[in-house]
Protein backbone atom coordinates (compact mmCIF):
# COMPACT_ATOMS: atom_id res chain seq x y z
CA UNK A 1 7.33 -12.43 16.00
CA UNK A 2 4.64 -10.71 18.00
CA UNK A 3 3.83 -7.02 17.58
CA UNK A 4 2.15 -5.16 20.39
CA UNK A 5 -1.27 -3.79 19.50
CA UNK A 6 -0.14 -0.25 20.32
CA UNK A 7 2.37 -0.30 17.46
CA UNK A 8 -0.41 -1.07 14.97
CA UNK A 9 -1.81 2.45 15.11
CA UNK A 10 -2.71 3.21 11.48
CA UNK A 11 -6.04 2.01 10.16
CA UNK A 12 -5.56 0.81 6.59
CA UNK A 13 -7.64 -0.69 3.82
CA UNK A 14 -6.13 -3.23 1.45
CA UNK A 15 -7.77 -2.89 -1.94
CA UNK A 16 -7.83 -5.25 -4.92
CA UNK A 17 -8.06 -4.15 -8.55
CA UNK A 18 -11.36 -5.37 -9.91
CA UNK A 19 -10.88 -5.32 -13.68
CA UNK A 20 -14.18 -7.08 -14.32
CA UNK A 21 -15.82 -3.86 -15.51
CA UNK A 22 -15.31 -3.09 -19.20
CA UNK A 23 -16.28 0.14 -20.91
CA UNK A 24 -18.35 0.30 -24.10
CA UNK A 25 -15.09 0.50 -26.10
CA UNK A 26 -13.86 -2.78 -24.64
CA UNK A 27 -11.18 -1.31 -22.37
CA UNK A 28 -11.10 -2.48 -18.78
CA UNK A 29 -11.60 0.19 -16.17
CA UNK A 30 -9.61 -0.05 -12.95
CA UNK A 31 -12.02 -0.23 -10.07
CA UNK A 32 -10.61 -0.76 -6.57
CA UNK A 33 -12.64 -2.72 -4.05
CA UNK A 34 -12.02 -3.35 -0.36
CA UNK A 35 -10.29 -6.66 0.36
CA UNK A 36 -9.46 -6.22 4.06
CA UNK A 37 -9.45 -3.45 6.69
CA UNK A 38 -7.09 -3.65 9.68
CA UNK A 39 -4.55 -1.79 11.80
CA UNK A 40 -0.91 -1.55 10.76
CA UNK A 41 2.52 -0.22 11.54
CA UNK A 42 3.77 2.04 8.72
CA UNK A 43 7.41 3.04 8.46
CA UNK A 44 9.38 4.57 5.62
CA UNK A 45 12.40 2.52 4.62
CA UNK A 46 14.04 4.82 2.08
CA UNK A 47 13.30 7.48 -0.46
CA UNK A 48 14.66 8.69 -3.77
CA UNK A 49 13.94 11.36 -6.34
CA UNK A 50 13.25 10.70 -9.99
CA UNK A 51 12.10 12.56 -13.07
CA UNK A 52 8.88 11.23 -14.53
CA UNK A 53 7.22 12.87 -17.55
CA UNK A 54 9.35 15.98 -17.03
CA UNK A 55 8.34 16.42 -13.41
CA UNK A 56 10.35 15.74 -10.29
CA UNK A 57 8.79 13.06 -8.13
CA UNK A 58 9.77 11.35 -4.92
CA UNK A 59 9.57 7.58 -4.51
CA UNK A 60 9.16 6.44 -0.93
CA UNK A 61 9.72 2.76 -0.13
CA UNK A 62 7.58 1.83 2.85
CA UNK A 63 7.22 -1.24 5.07
CA UNK A 64 3.74 -1.94 6.38
CA UNK A 65 3.31 -4.62 9.05
CA UNK A 66 -0.08 -6.20 9.79
CA UNK A 67 -1.44 -9.30 11.47
CA UNK A 68 -1.59 -12.33 9.15
CA UNK A 69 -4.33 -12.23 6.53
CA UNK A 70 -4.36 -14.84 3.75
CA UNK A 71 -4.91 -13.82 0.15
CA UNK A 72 -2.94 -10.56 0.02
CA UNK A 73 -1.05 -10.29 -3.29
CA UNK A 74 1.53 -8.00 -4.85
CA UNK A 75 -0.95 -6.50 -7.33
CA UNK A 76 -3.03 -4.95 -4.54
CA UNK A 77 -2.67 -1.54 -2.91
CA UNK A 78 -2.95 -0.06 0.58
CA UNK A 79 -5.07 2.98 1.34
CA UNK A 80 -4.06 4.70 4.58
CA UNK A 81 -5.34 7.83 6.28
CA UNK A 82 -2.46 9.51 8.07
CA UNK A 83 -1.92 12.81 9.88
CA UNK A 84 -4.39 15.60 9.17
CA UNK A 85 -6.75 13.16 7.41
CA UNK A 86 -4.42 12.87 4.39
CA UNK A 87 -5.12 9.77 2.31
CA UNK A 88 -2.09 7.96 0.87
CA UNK A 89 -1.93 5.03 -1.52
CA UNK A 90 0.86 2.47 -1.43
CA UNK A 91 1.44 -0.09 -4.20
CA UNK A 92 2.29 -3.49 -2.77
CA UNK A 93 5.43 -4.90 -4.36
CA UNK A 94 6.12 -7.88 -2.13
CA UNK A 95 4.28 -9.79 0.60
CA UNK A 96 6.43 -11.44 3.29
CA UNK A 97 5.07 -13.75 5.97
CA UNK A 98 7.46 -12.93 8.81
CA UNK A 99 9.36 -16.05 9.90
CA UNK A 100 6.85 -18.09 7.83
CA UNK A 101 4.68 -18.47 10.93
CA UNK A 102 1.45 -16.93 9.57
CA UNK A 103 1.26 -14.49 12.46
CA UNK A 104 2.49 -11.23 10.91
CA UNK A 105 2.86 -10.02 7.33
CA UNK A 106 5.23 -7.35 6.09
CA UNK A 107 4.16 -5.54 2.92
CA UNK A 108 7.00 -3.94 0.95
CA UNK A 109 5.31 -0.99 -0.75
CA UNK A 110 6.18 2.08 -2.78
CA UNK A 111 4.50 5.46 -3.05
CA UNK A 112 5.12 8.19 -5.60
CA UNK A 113 4.71 11.78 -4.56
CA UNK A 114 4.91 14.74 -6.94
CA UNK A 115 7.29 17.34 -5.51
CA UNK A 116 7.60 19.75 -8.46
CA UNK A 117 6.91 23.34 -7.42
CA UNK A 118 4.03 24.65 -9.34
């Protein structure tokens, strides 16, 4: 499956959780580092509302398609700058090599967005 370059219009950064830094109390601090930067196609697949800690939140399931890059795992996240310079973070839940041909990868991601009026 080949995707035209014009459809890959969002610049994204795939980040990995570097838990190698520990605080003085022994707890590991989450520190995200850049794994790969590329262009992607981002499309929302579905959304749902949920109540989390007494607040209404929206969960958006998103499919992100990129050119093949080895080493991407489900415990990574995607940082994308979208319209009006808004930065969004997507948690990668599943990595799918489309048609197992190592040409394109589809990242099944989710994003939580707080929608409680306040």
